[in-house]
Each structure stands twice: as C-alpha cells, then as structure tokens.
Amino acid sequence: MNVLKIAATSDATAAAGAVANTFREEGVAEIQAIGPKAVNQAVKCIAIARGYVAPSGIDLFFVPSFVEVEVNGEIRTGIRFTVRSRTPVPPLRPRARRGEKAPETKEEWTDI
C-alpha cells in the first residue's frame, strides 16, 4: 500500500482526491505528515475526502499513530493517518494494469 505524503504546502483539495481514489481502489488509505502545518493539511484533506465519498454511502474516519521517518539522514517523528470506513464498502471492479485485460466477472475479482 502506498503512503500518501502530505506537506505543509500541499493542496488539501488535490490531496483529498488522491485519498478518495486510493480508498476506492484499496479500501483503506494511509497519509503521512511531519510538522504541525502538514498535519493541519492532512486533517483538512481527510475532511474534504469524506465529502467526496459520502454520496456513495461511505463514512470515512481516521486513526492517527506516530511514525519515525528518515528525512535527509535525520530521524523525524511524523503522524500517520489510517483512513477507513465505518460502513461496509462493496468491492470495486478492479482496473486493468497496463497491457492486461480487466477481469470480466465478479468471480475473477480479487478481494480488496
């Protein structure tokens, strides 16, 4: 799973789209932020992403945790937000990877 990295200068709206898309594809999204301004942007991005997926009946929430990250050879403490849904999420039809054919039937799908 890819961890979305949010900076103090990140556009919360664009990041929210990335969170919503990651959640739709994987059923969970992880965001990482280092510093108070980046944490602020991450929380705003999750709030906006909730609005993006709410019409589909999905109720997002996040669980924060600390994470140690190496930045320029220095260990920094950041916050990781694991974004999940309170409501069951139906499996989405997977997209085809480059050069591959998308599964046709639900039996061919893999669980998220």
PDB file of N, CA and C in Angstrom:
ATOM      1  N   MET A   1       0.847  -1.173   0.000  1.00  0.00           N
ATOM      2  CA  MET A   1       0.000   0.000   0.000  1.00  0.00           C
ATOM      3  C   MET A   1       0.896   1.240   0.000  1.00  0.00           C
ATOM      4  N   ASN A   2       0.548   2.192  -0.831  1.00  0.00           N
ATOM      5  CA  ASN A   2       1.289   3.438  -0.888  1.00  0.00           C
ATOM      6  C   ASN A   2       0.846   4.361   0.236  1.00  0.00           C
ATOM      7  N   VAL A   3       1.800   5.052   0.823  1.00  0.00           N
ATOM      8  CA  VAL A   3       1.507   6.042   1.841  1.00  0.00           C
ATOM      9  C   VAL A   3       1.549   7.405   1.157  1.00  0.00           C
ATOM     10  N   LEU A   4       0.459   8.152   1.255  1.00  0.00           N
ATOM     11  CA  LEU A   4       0.397   9.484   0.663  1.00  0.00           C
ATOM     12  C   LEU A   4       1.081  10.457   1.612  1.00  0.00           C
ATOM     13  N   LYS A   5       2.040  11.196   1.115  1.00  0.00           N
ATOM     14  CA  LYS A   5       2.793  12.124   1.952  1.00  0.00           C
ATOM     15  C   LYS A   5       2.260  13.537   1.747  1.00  0.00           C
ATOM     16  N   ILE A   6       1.876  14.154   2.860  1.00  0.00           N
ATOM     17  CA  ILE A   6       1.305  15.498   2.822  1.00  0.00           C
ATOM     18  C   ILE A   6       2.317  16.470   3.421  1.00  0.00           C
ATOM     19  N   ALA A   7       2.545  17.571   2.724  1.00  0.00           N
ATOM     20  CA  ALA A   7       3.452  18.613   3.203  1.00  0.00           C
ATOM     21  C   ALA A   7       2.637  19.827   3.639  1.00  0.00           C
ATOM     22  N   ALA A   8       3.312  20.744   4.296  1.00  0.00           N
ATOM     23  CA  ALA A   8       2.650  21.977   4.730  1.00  0.00           C
ATOM     24  C   ALA A   8       2.105  22.750   3.541  1.00  0.00           C
ATOM     25  N   THR A   9       2.730  22.597   2.395  1.00  0.00           N
ATOM     26  CA  THR A   9       2.327  23.340   1.203  1.00  0.00           C
ATOM     27  C   THR A   9       1.397  22.556   0.279  1.00  0.00           C
ATOM     28  N   SER A  10       1.003  21.342   0.700  1.00  0.00           N
ATOM     29  CA  SER A  10       0.126  20.510  -0.136  1.00  0.00           C
ATOM     30  C   SER A  10      -1.244  21.159  -0.288  1.00  0.00           C
ATOM     31  N   ASP A  11      -1.812  21.014  -1.474  1.00  0.00           N
ATOM     32  CA  ASP A  11      -3.176  21.479  -1.734  1.00  0.00           C
ATOM     33  C   ASP A  11      -4.134  20.443  -1.163  1.00  0.00           C
ATOM     34  N   ALA A  12      -4.883  20.818  -0.135  1.00  0.00           N
ATOM     35  CA  ALA A  12      -5.771  19.882   0.562  1.00  0.00           C
ATOM     36  C   ALA A  12      -6.816  19.285  -0.374  1.00  0.00           C
ATOM     37  N   THR A  13      -7.311  20.050  -1.320  1.00  0.00           N
ATOM     38  CA  THR A  13      -8.330  19.556  -2.249  1.00  0.00           C
ATOM     39  C   THR A  13      -7.756  18.482  -3.169  1.00  0.00           C
ATOM     40  N   ALA A  14      -6.578  18.720  -3.704  1.00  0.00           N
ATOM     41  CA  ALA A  14      -5.943  17.736  -4.578  1.00  0.00           C
ATOM     42  C   ALA A  14      -5.589  16.475  -3.792  1.00  0.00           C
ATOM     43  N   ALA A  15      -5.086  16.658  -2.587  1.00  0.00           N
ATOM     44  CA  ALA A  15      -4.742  15.509  -1.743  1.00  0.00           C
ATOM     45  C   ALA A  15      -5.997  14.717  -1.379  1.00  0.00           C
ATOM     46  N   ALA A  16      -7.115  15.410  -1.176  1.00  0.00           N
ATOM     47  CA  ALA A  16      -8.376  14.735  -0.856  1.00  0.00           C
ATOM     48  C   ALA A  16      -8.810  13.838  -2.011  1.00  0.00           C
ATOM     49  N   GLY A  17      -8.625  14.299  -3.227  1.00  0.00           N
ATOM     50  CA  GLY A  17      -8.937  13.470  -4.389  1.00  0.00           C
ATOM     51  C   GLY A  17      -8.080  12.217  -4.420  1.00  0.00           C
ATOM     52  N   ALA A  18      -6.801  12.366  -4.074  1.00  0.00           N
ATOM     53  CA  ALA A  18      -5.906  11.210  -4.034  1.00  0.00           C
ATOM     54  C   ALA A  18      -6.326  10.236  -2.937  1.00  0.00           C
ATOM     55  N   VAL A  19      -6.738  10.761  -1.789  1.00  0.00           N
ATOM     56  CA  VAL A  19      -7.195   9.909  -0.689  1.00  0.00           C
ATOM     57  C   VAL A  19      -8.460   9.161  -1.099  1.00  0.00           C
ATOM     58  N   ALA A  20      -9.417   9.879  -1.679  1.00  0.00           N
ATOM     59  CA  ALA A  20     -10.675   9.252  -2.099  1.00  0.00           C
ATOM     60  C   ALA A  20     -10.417   8.167  -3.136  1.00  0.00           C
ATOM     61  N   ASN A  21      -9.559   8.444  -4.105  1.00  0.00           N
ATOM     62  CA  ASN A  21      -9.262   7.447  -5.141  1.00  0.00           C
ATOM     63  C   ASN A  21      -8.532   6.239  -4.565  1.00  0.00           C
ATOM     64  N   THR A  22      -7.569   6.490  -3.677  1.00  0.00           N
ATOM     65  CA  THR A  22      -6.854   5.386  -3.044  1.00  0.00           C
ATOM     66  C   THR A  22      -7.812   4.537  -2.232  1.00  0.00           C
ATOM     67  N   PHE A  23      -8.706   5.193  -1.493  1.00  0.00           N
ATOM     68  CA  PHE A  23      -9.676   4.453  -0.691  1.00  0.00           C
ATOM     69  C   PHE A  23     -10.595   3.615  -1.582  1.00  0.00           C
ATOM     70  N   ARG A  24     -11.067   4.199  -2.663  1.00  0.00           N
ATOM     71  CA  ARG A  24     -11.957   3.465  -3.570  1.00  0.00           C
ATOM     72  C   ARG A  24     -11.267   2.241  -4.167  1.00  0.00           C
ATOM     73  N   GLU A  25      -9.980   2.367  -4.472  1.00  0.00           N
ATOM     74  CA  GLU A  25      -9.244   1.273  -5.099  1.00  0.00           C
ATOM     75  C   GLU A  25      -8.780   0.222  -4.101  1.00  0.00           C
ATOM     76  N   GLU A  26      -8.372   0.651  -2.902  1.00  0.00           N
ATOM     77  CA  GLU A  26      -7.751  -0.279  -1.965  1.00  0.00           C
ATOM     78  C   GLU A  26      -8.581  -0.559  -0.715  1.00  0.00           C
ATOM     79  N   GLY A  27      -9.615   0.233  -0.460  1.00  0.00           N
ATOM     80  CA  GLY A  27     -10.435   0.021   0.730  1.00  0.00           C
ATOM     81  C   GLY A  27      -9.871   0.641   1.985  1.00  0.00           C
ATOM     82  N   VAL A  28      -8.703   1.226   1.890  1.00  0.00           N
ATOM     83  CA  VAL A  28      -8.042   1.913   3.003  1.00  0.00           C
ATOM     84  C   VAL A  28      -7.018   2.867   2.392  1.00  0.00           C
ATOM     85  N   ALA A  29      -6.739   3.956   3.088  1.00  0.00           N
ATOM     86  CA  ALA A  29      -5.718   4.894   2.623  1.00  0.00           C
ATOM     87  C   ALA A  29      -4.858   5.278   3.816  1.00  0.00           C
ATOM     88  N   GLU A  30      -3.572   5.505   3.578  1.00  0.00           N
ATOM     89  CA  GLU A  30      -2.676   5.953   4.633  1.00  0.00           C
ATOM     90  C   GLU A  30      -2.028   7.251   4.210  1.00  0.00           C
ATOM     91  N   ILE A  31      -2.022   8.200   5.150  1.00  0.00           N
ATOM     92  CA  ILE A  31      -1.456   9.525   4.914  1.00  0.00           C
ATOM     93  C   ILE A  31      -0.388   9.761   5.961  1.00  0.00           C
ATOM     94  N   GLN A  32       0.687  10.394   5.567  1.00  0.00           N
ATOM     95  CA  GLN A  32       1.774  10.693   6.491  1.00  0.00           C
ATOM     96  C   GLN A  32       2.074  12.179   6.452  1.00  0.00           C
ATOM     97  N   ALA A  33       2.277  12.770   7.633  1.00  0.00           N
ATOM     98  CA  ALA A  33       2.577  14.198   7.719  1.00  0.00           C
ATOM     99  C   ALA A  33       3.614  14.431   8.807  1.00  0.00           C
ATOM    100  N   ILE A  34       4.527  15.363   8.544  1.00  0.00           N
ATOM    101  CA  ILE A  34       5.542  15.734   9.525  1.00  0.00           C
ATOM    102  C   ILE A  34       5.437  17.231   9.753  1.00  0.00           C
ATOM    103  N   GLY A  35       5.175  17.614  10.981  1.00  0.00           N
ATOM    104  CA  GLY A  35       5.068  19.024  11.341  1.00  0.00           C
ATOM    105  C   GLY A  35       3.625  19.468  11.466  1.00  0.00           C
ATOM    106  N   PRO A  36       3.401  20.522  12.265  1.00  0.00           N
ATOM    107  CA  PRO A  36       2.028  20.949  12.551  1.00  0.00           C
ATOM    108  C   PRO A  36       1.253  21.445  11.330  1.00  0.00           C
ATOM    109  N   LYS A  37       1.906  22.155  10.431  1.00  0.00           N
ATOM    110  CA  LYS A  37       1.194  22.647   9.248  1.00  0.00           C
ATOM    111  C   LYS A  37       0.820  21.498   8.311  1.00  0.00           C
ATOM    112  N   ALA A  38       1.701  20.515   8.188  1.00  0.00           N
ATOM    113  CA  ALA A  38       1.404  19.354   7.350  1.00  0.00           C
ATOM    114  C   ALA A  38       0.279  18.526   7.963  1.00  0.00           C
ATOM    115  N   VAL A  39       0.268  18.397   9.296  1.00  0.00           N
ATOM    116  CA  VAL A  39      -0.811  17.670   9.971  1.00  0.00           C
ATOM    117  C   VAL A  39      -2.137  18.392   9.738  1.00  0.00           C
ATOM    118  N   ASN A  40      -2.118  19.709   9.800  1.00  0.00           N
ATOM    119  CA  ASN A  40      -3.328  20.501   9.527  1.00  0.00           C
ATOM    120  C   ASN A  40      -3.838  20.222   8.116  1.00  0.00           C
ATOM    121  N   GLN A  41      -2.952  20.233   7.135  1.00  0.00           N
ATOM    122  CA  GLN A  41      -3.348  19.964   5.749  1.00  0.00           C
ATOM    123  C   GLN A  41      -3.898  18.543   5.605  1.00  0.00           C
ATOM    124  N   ALA A  42      -3.301  17.582   6.318  1.00  0.00           N
ATOM    125  CA  ALA A  42      -3.757  16.196   6.239  1.00  0.00           C
ATOM    126  C   ALA A  42      -5.176  16.052   6.793  1.00  0.00           C
ATOM    127  N   VAL A  43      -5.444  16.703   7.929  1.00  0.00           N
ATOM    128  CA  VAL A  43      -6.785  16.619   8.514  1.00  0.00           C
ATOM    129  C   VAL A  43      -7.805  17.284   7.589  1.00  0.00           C
ATOM    130  N   LYS A  44      -7.447  18.439   7.012  1.00  0.00           N
ATOM    131  CA  LYS A  44      -8.355  19.098   6.058  1.00  0.00           C
ATOM    132  C   LYS A  44      -8.605  18.196   4.850  1.00  0.00           C
ATOM    133  N   CYS A  45      -7.559  17.549   4.384  1.00  0.00           N
ATOM    134  CA  CYS A  45      -7.688  16.672   3.213  1.00  0.00           C
ATOM    135  C   CYS A  45      -8.634  15.511   3.513  1.00  0.00           C
ATOM    136  N   ILE A  46      -8.569  14.944   4.715  1.00  0.00           N
ATOM    137  CA  ILE A  46      -9.472  13.847   5.072  1.00  0.00           C
ATOM    138  C   ILE A  46     -10.910  14.353   5.165  1.00  0.00           C
ATOM    139  N   ALA A  47     -11.092  15.537   5.730  1.00  0.00           N
ATOM    140  CA  ALA A  47     -12.440  16.112   5.827  1.00  0.00           C
ATOM    141  C   ALA A  47     -13.042  16.324   4.438  1.00  0.00           C
ATOM    142  N   ILE A  48     -12.245  16.805   3.515  1.00  0.00           N
ATOM    143  CA  ILE A  48     -12.722  17.029   2.145  1.00  0.00           C
ATOM    144  C   ILE A  48     -13.003  15.684   1.466  1.00  0.00           C
ATOM    145  N   ALA A  49     -12.119  14.699   1.667  1.00  0.00           N
ATOM    146  CA  ALA A  49     -12.309  13.370   1.071  1.00  0.00           C
ATOM    147  C   ALA A  49     -13.597  12.725   1.575  1.00  0.00           C
ATOM    148  N   ARG A  50     -13.952  12.960   2.837  1.00  0.00           N
ATOM    149  CA  ARG A  50     -15.213  12.428   3.364  1.00  0.00           C
ATOM    150  C   ARG A  50     -16.384  12.914   2.515  1.00  0.00           C
ATOM    151  N   GLY A  51     -16.343  14.189   2.126  1.00  0.00           N
ATOM    152  CA  GLY A  51     -17.402  14.743   1.283  1.00  0.00           C
ATOM    153  C   GLY A  51     -17.426  14.132  -0.105  1.00  0.00           C
ATOM    154  N   TYR A  52     -16.245  13.768  -0.612  1.00  0.00           N
ATOM    155  CA  TYR A  52     -16.180  13.169  -1.944  1.00  0.00           C
ATOM    156  C   TYR A  52     -16.824  11.783  -1.986  1.00  0.00           C
ATOM    157  N   VAL A  53     -16.657  10.983  -0.919  1.00  0.00           N
ATOM    158  CA  VAL A  53     -17.149   9.611  -0.945  1.00  0.00           C
ATOM    159  C   VAL A  53     -18.507   9.446  -0.254  1.00  0.00           C
ATOM    160  N   ALA A  54     -18.964  10.449   0.479  1.00  0.00           N
ATOM    161  CA  ALA A  54     -20.234  10.367   1.217  1.00  0.00           C
ATOM    162  C   ALA A  54     -21.434  10.055   0.316  1.00  0.00           C
ATOM    163  N   PRO A  55     -21.536  10.635  -0.896  1.00  0.00           N
ATOM    164  CA  PRO A  55     -22.687  10.301  -1.747  1.00  0.00           C
ATOM    165  C   PRO A  55     -22.771   8.810  -2.104  1.00  0.00           C
ATOM    166  N   SER A  56     -21.649   8.089  -1.975  1.00  0.00           N
ATOM    167  CA  SER A  56     -21.639   6.651  -2.244  1.00  0.00           C
ATOM    168  C   SER A  56     -22.015   5.846  -1.007  1.00  0.00           C
ATOM    169  N   GLY A  57     -22.354   6.536   0.094  1.00  0.00           N
ATOM    170  CA  GLY A  57     -22.730   5.851   1.324  1.00  0.00           C
ATOM    171  C   GLY A  57     -21.542   5.445   2.179  1.00  0.00           C
ATOM    172  N   ILE A  58     -20.382   6.009   1.904  1.00  0.00           N
ATOM    173  CA  ILE A  58     -19.171   5.669   2.649  1.00  0.00           C
ATOM    174  C   ILE A  58     -18.933   6.741   3.711  1.00  0.00           C
ATOM    175  N   ASP A  59     -18.708   6.309   4.951  1.00  0.00           N
ATOM    176  CA  ASP A  59     -18.460   7.218   6.064  1.00  0.00           C
ATOM    177  C   ASP A  59     -17.022   7.028   6.531  1.00  0.00           C
ATOM    178  N   LEU A  60     -16.127   7.900   6.081  1.00  0.00           N
ATOM    179  CA  LEU A  60     -14.710   7.770   6.404  1.00  0.00           C
ATOM    180  C   LEU A  60     -14.404   8.261   7.816  1.00  0.00           C
ATOM    181  N   PHE A  61     -13.412   7.636   8.418  1.00  0.00           N
ATOM    182  CA  PHE A  61     -12.829   8.110   9.675  1.00  0.00           C
ATOM    183  C   PHE A  61     -11.339   7.809   9.617  1.00  0.00           C
ATOM    184  N   PHE A  62     -10.558   8.380  10.544  1.00  0.00           N
ATOM    185  CA  PHE A  62      -9.139   8.081  10.548  1.00  0.00           C
ATOM    186  C   PHE A  62      -8.658   7.712  11.943  1.00  0.00           C
ATOM    187  N   VAL A  63      -7.570   6.942  11.961  1.00  0.00           N
ATOM    188  CA  VAL A  63      -6.907   6.563  13.196  1.00  0.00           C
ATOM    189  C   VAL A  63      -5.480   7.103  13.110  1.00  0.00           C
ATOM    190  N   PRO A  64      -5.107   8.029  14.002  1.00  0.00           N
ATOM    191  CA  PRO A  64      -3.750   8.573  13.961  1.00  0.00           C
ATOM    192  C   PRO A  64      -2.771   7.685  14.737  1.00  0.00           C
ATOM    193  N   SER A  65      -1.531   7.670  14.289  1.00  0.00           N
ATOM    194  CA  SER A  65      -0.462   6.972  15.002  1.00  0.00           C
ATOM    195  C   SER A  65       0.855   7.685  14.714  1.00  0.00           C
ATOM    196  N   PHE A  66       1.826   7.482  15.596  1.00  0.00           N
ATOM    197  CA  PHE A  66       3.141   8.074  15.375  1.00  0.00           C
ATOM    198  C   PHE A  66       3.974   7.163  14.501  1.00  0.00           C
ATOM    199  N   VAL A  67       4.856   7.771  13.725  1.00  0.00           N
ATOM    200  CA  VAL A  67       5.752   7.022  12.855  1.00  0.00           C
ATOM    201  C   VAL A  67       7.093   7.753  12.824  1.00  0.00           C
ATOM    202  N   GLU A  68       8.177   6.987  12.816  1.00  0.00           N
ATOM    203  CA  GLU A  68       9.502   7.591  12.689  1.00  0.00           C
ATOM    204  C   GLU A  68       9.931   7.500  11.235  1.00  0.00           C
ATOM    205  N   VAL A  69      10.388   8.614  10.695  1.00  0.00           N
ATOM    206  CA  VAL A  69      10.734   8.712   9.282  1.00  0.00           C
ATOM    207  C   VAL A  69      12.133   9.307   9.160  1.00  0.00           C
ATOM    208  N   GLU A  70      12.909   8.784   8.225  1.00  0.00           N
ATOM    209  CA  GLU A  70      14.226   9.352   7.979  1.00  0.00           C
ATOM    210  C   GLU A  70      14.112  10.400   6.881  1.00  0.00           C
ATOM    211  N   VAL A  71      14.521  11.628   7.208  1.00  0.00           N
ATOM    212  CA  VAL A  71      14.497  12.735   6.259  1.00  0.00           C
ATOM    213  C   VAL A  71      15.896  13.336   6.223  1.00  0.00           C
ATOM    214  N   ASN A  72      16.549  13.258   5.063  1.00  0.00           N
ATOM    215  CA  ASN A  72      17.911  13.776   4.900  1.00  0.00           C
ATOM    216  C   ASN A  72      18.860  13.225   5.957  1.00  0.00           C
ATOM    217  N   GLY A  73      18.756  11.919   6.213  1.00  0.00           N
ATOM    218  CA  GLY A  73      19.640  11.270   7.173  1.00  0.00           C
ATOM    219  C   GLY A  73      19.298  11.523   8.631  1.00  0.00           C
ATOM    220  N   GLU A  74      18.197  12.204   8.889  1.00  0.00           N
ATOM    221  CA  GLU A  74      17.786  12.545  10.246  1.00  0.00           C
ATOM    222  C   GLU A  74      16.451  11.866  10.546  1.00  0.00           C
ATOM    223  N   ILE A  75      16.330  11.291  11.746  1.00  0.00           N
ATOM    224  CA  ILE A  75      15.080  10.639  12.140  1.00  0.00           C
ATOM    225  C   ILE A  75      14.113  11.701  12.666  1.00  0.00           C
ATOM    226  N   ARG A  76      12.919  11.745  12.066  1.00  0.00           N
ATOM    227  CA  ARG A  76      11.872  12.694  12.473  1.00  0.00           C
ATOM    228  C   ARG A  76      10.639  11.904  12.875  1.00  0.00           C
ATOM    229  N   THR A  77       9.857  12.458  13.771  1.00  0.00           N
ATOM    230  CA  THR A  77       8.601  11.839  14.167  1.00  0.00           C
ATOM    231  C   THR A  77       7.481  12.488  13.382  1.00  0.00           C
ATOM    232  N   GLY A  78       6.663  11.672  12.759  1.00  0.00           N
ATOM    233  CA  GLY A  78       5.524  12.159  11.994  1.00  0.00           C
ATOM    234  C   GLY A  78       4.256  11.502  12.498  1.00  0.00           C
ATOM    235  N   ILE A  79       3.175  11.860  11.894  1.00  0.00           N
ATOM    236  CA  ILE A  79       1.892  11.250  12.221  1.00  0.00           C
ATOM    237  C   ILE A  79       1.368  10.563  10.973  1.00  0.00           C
ATOM    238  N   ARG A  80       0.920   9.328  11.157  1.00  0.00           N
ATOM    239  CA  ARG A  80       0.303   8.573  10.071  1.00  0.00           C
ATOM    240  C   ARG A  80      -1.186   8.479  10.367  1.00  0.00           C
ATOM    241  N   PHE A  81      -1.989   8.789   9.362  1.00  0.00           N
ATOM    242  CA  PHE A  81      -3.442   8.707   9.463  1.00  0.00           C
ATOM    243  C   PHE A  81      -3.888   7.520   8.624  1.00  0.00           C
ATOM    244  N   THR A  82      -4.484   6.529   9.261  1.00  0.00           N
ATOM    245  CA  THR A  82      -5.057   5.404   8.527  1.00  0.00           C
ATOM    246  C   THR A  82      -6.532   5.716   8.317  1.00  0.00           C
ATOM    247  N   VAL A  83      -6.942   5.840   7.069  1.00  0.00           N
ATOM    248  CA  VAL A  83      -8.314   6.231   6.719  1.00  0.00           C
ATOM    249  C   VAL A  83      -9.100   4.980   6.361  1.00  0.00           C
ATOM    250  N   ARG A  84     -10.205   4.779   7.069  1.00  0.00           N
ATOM    251  CA  ARG A  84     -11.076   3.615   6.876  1.00  0.00           C
ATOM    252  C   ARG A  84     -12.519   4.078   6.786  1.00  0.00           C
ATOM    253  N   SER A  85     -13.425   3.128   6.596  1.00  0.00           N
ATOM    254  CA  SER A  85     -14.844   3.440   6.514  1.00  0.00           C
ATOM    255  C   SER A  85     -15.605   2.781   7.655  1.00  0.00           C
ATOM    256  N   ARG A  86     -16.566   3.520   8.214  1.00  0.00           N
ATOM    257  CA  ARG A  86     -17.448   2.946   9.241  1.00  0.00           C
ATOM    258  C   ARG A  86     -18.499   2.035   8.601  1.00  0.00           C
ATOM    259  N   THR A  87     -18.781   2.259   7.347  1.00  0.00           N
ATOM    260  CA  THR A  87     -19.799   1.490   6.646  1.00  0.00           C
ATOM    261  C   THR A  87     -19.123   0.454   5.751  1.00  0.00           C
ATOM    262  N   PRO A  88     -19.754  -0.689   5.534  1.00  0.00           N
ATOM    263  CA  PRO A  88     -19.157  -1.682   4.634  1.00  0.00           C
ATOM    264  C   PRO A  88     -19.007  -1.105   3.226  1.00  0.00           C
ATOM    265  N   VAL A  89     -17.899  -1.411   2.614  1.00  0.00           N
ATOM    266  CA  VAL A  89     -17.618  -0.911   1.268  1.00  0.00           C
ATOM    267  C   VAL A  89     -17.690  -2.072   0.296  1.00  0.00           C
ATOM    268  N   PRO A  90     -18.568  -1.984  -0.706  1.00  0.00           N
ATOM    269  CA  PRO A  90     -18.639  -3.077  -1.685  1.00  0.00           C
ATOM    270  C   PRO A  90     -17.354  -3.122  -2.499  1.00  0.00           C
ATOM    271  N   PRO A  91     -16.913  -4.315  -2.894  1.00  0.00           N
ATOM    272  CA  PRO A  91     -15.701  -4.393  -3.710  1.00  0.00           C
ATOM    273  C   PRO A  91     -15.919  -3.693  -5.048  1.00  0.00           C
ATOM    274  N   LEU A  92     -14.917  -2.979  -5.468  1.00  0.00           N
ATOM    275  CA  LEU A  92     -14.985  -2.264  -6.737  1.00  0.00           C
ATOM    276  C   LEU A  92     -14.376  -3.115  -7.829  1.00  0.00           C
ATOM    277  N   ARG A  93     -14.867  -2.937  -9.019  1.00  0.00           N
ATOM    278  CA  ARG A  93     -14.284  -3.662 -10.142  1.00  0.00           C
ATOM    279  C   ARG A  93     -12.879  -3.120 -10.363  1.00  0.00           C
ATOM    280  N   PRO A  94     -11.893  -3.988 -10.328  1.00  0.00           N
ATOM    281  CA  PRO A  94     -10.519  -3.517 -10.486  1.00  0.00           C
ATOM    282  C   PRO A  94     -10.254  -3.008 -11.896  1.00  0.00           C
ATOM    283  N   ARG A  95      -9.358  -2.030 -11.970  1.00  0.00           N
ATOM    284  CA  ARG A  95      -8.945  -1.529 -13.277  1.00  0.00           C
ATOM    285  C   ARG A  95      -7.834  -2.413 -13.826  1.00  0.00           C
ATOM    286  N   ALA A  96      -7.758  -2.466 -15.132  1.00  0.00           N
ATOM    287  CA  ALA A  96      -6.708  -3.260 -15.762  1.00  0.00           C
ATOM    288  C   ALA A  96      -5.383  -2.515 -15.667  1.00  0.00           C
ATOM    289  N   ARG A  97      -4.333  -3.278 -15.403  1.00  0.00           N
ATOM    290  CA  ARG A  97      -2.998  -2.697 -15.447  1.00  0.00           C
ATOM    291  C   ARG A  97      -2.583  -2.588 -16.897  1.00  0.00           C
ATOM    292  N   ARG A  98      -1.584  -1.790 -17.136  1.00  0.00           N
ATOM    293  CA  ARG A  98      -1.110  -1.609 -18.499  1.00  0.00           C
ATOM    294  C   ARG A  98      -0.760  -2.941 -19.133  1.00  0.00           C
ATOM    295  N   GLY A  99      -1.310  -3.208 -20.280  1.00  0.00           N
ATOM    296  CA  GLY A  99      -1.020  -4.431 -21.013  1.00  0.00           C
ATOM    297  C   GLY A  99      -1.819  -5.638 -20.551  1.00  0.00           C
ATOM    298  N   GLU A 100      -2.709  -5.447 -19.559  1.00  0.00           N
ATOM    299  CA  GLU A 100      -3.518  -6.558 -19.066  1.00  0.00           C
ATOM    300  C   GLU A 100      -4.988  -6.284 -19.339  1.00  0.00           C
ATOM    301  N   LYS A 101      -5.776  -7.338 -19.345  1.00  0.00           N
ATOM    302  CA  LYS A 101      -7.217  -7.230 -19.544  1.00  0.00           C
ATOM    303  C   LYS A 101      -7.904  -7.196 -18.182  1.00  0.00           C
ATOM    304  N   ALA A 102      -8.882  -6.325 -18.012  1.00  0.00           N
ATOM    305  CA  ALA A 102      -9.623  -6.233 -16.752  1.00  0.00           C
ATOM    306  C   ALA A 102     -10.485  -7.481 -16.566  1.00  0.00           C
ATOM    307  N   PRO A 103     -10.627  -7.943 -15.310  1.00  0.00           N
ATOM    308  CA  PRO A 103     -11.499  -9.092 -15.061  1.00  0.00           C
ATOM    309  C   PRO A 103     -12.926  -8.795 -15.506  1.00  0.00           C
ATOM    310  N   GLU A 104     -13.578  -9.783 -16.112  1.00  0.00           N
ATOM    311  CA  GLU A 104     -14.925  -9.596 -16.647  1.00  0.00           C
ATOM    312  C   GLU A 104     -16.006  -9.910 -15.611  1.00  0.00           C
ATOM    313  N   THR A 105     -15.816 -10.952 -14.828  1.00  0.00           N
ATOM    314  CA  THR A 105     -16.851 -11.369 -13.874  1.00  0.00           C
ATOM    315  C   THR A 105     -16.385 -11.130 -12.448  1.00  0.00           C
ATOM    316  N   LYS A 106     -17.354 -11.062 -11.528  1.00  0.00           N
ATOM    317  CA  LYS A 106     -17.042 -10.841 -10.126  1.00  0.00           C
ATOM    318  C   LYS A 106     -16.167 -11.971  -9.563  1.00  0.00           C
ATOM    319  N   GLU A 107     -16.322 -13.185 -10.088  1.00  0.00           N
ATOM    320  CA  GLU A 107     -15.525 -14.319  -9.624  1.00  0.00           C
ATOM    321  C   GLU A 107     -14.041 -14.121  -9.918  1.00  0.00           C
ATOM    322  N   GLU A 108     -13.738 -13.347 -10.958  1.00  0.00           N
ATOM    323  CA  GLU A 108     -12.342 -13.094 -11.319  1.00  0.00           C
ATOM    324  C   GLU A 108     -11.710 -11.993 -10.479  1.00  0.00           C
ATOM    325  N   TRP A 109     -12.519 -11.224  -9.783  1.00  0.00           N
ATOM    326  CA  TRP A 109     -12.005 -10.128  -8.967  1.00  0.00           C
ATOM    327  C   TRP A 109     -11.253 -10.686  -7.779  1.00  0.00           C
ATOM    328  N   THR A 110     -10.283  -9.940  -7.302  1.00  0.00           N
ATOM    329  CA  THR A 110      -9.616 -10.310  -6.065  1.00  0.00           C
ATOM    330  C   THR A 110     -10.166  -9.431  -4.969  1.00  0.00           C
ATOM    331  N   ASP A 111     -10.181  -9.924  -3.741  1.00  0.00           N
ATOM    332  CA  ASP A 111     -10.681  -9.132  -2.616  1.00  0.00           C
ATOM    333  C   ASP A 111      -9.770  -7.953  -2.356  1.00  0.00           C
ATOM    334  N   ILE A 112     -10.388  -6.876  -1.916  1.00  0.00           N
ATOM    335  CA  ILE A 112      -9.625  -5.669  -1.589  1.00  0.00           C
ATOM    336  C   ILE A 112      -9.034  -5.865  -0.222  1.00  0.00           C
TER     337      ILE A 112
END
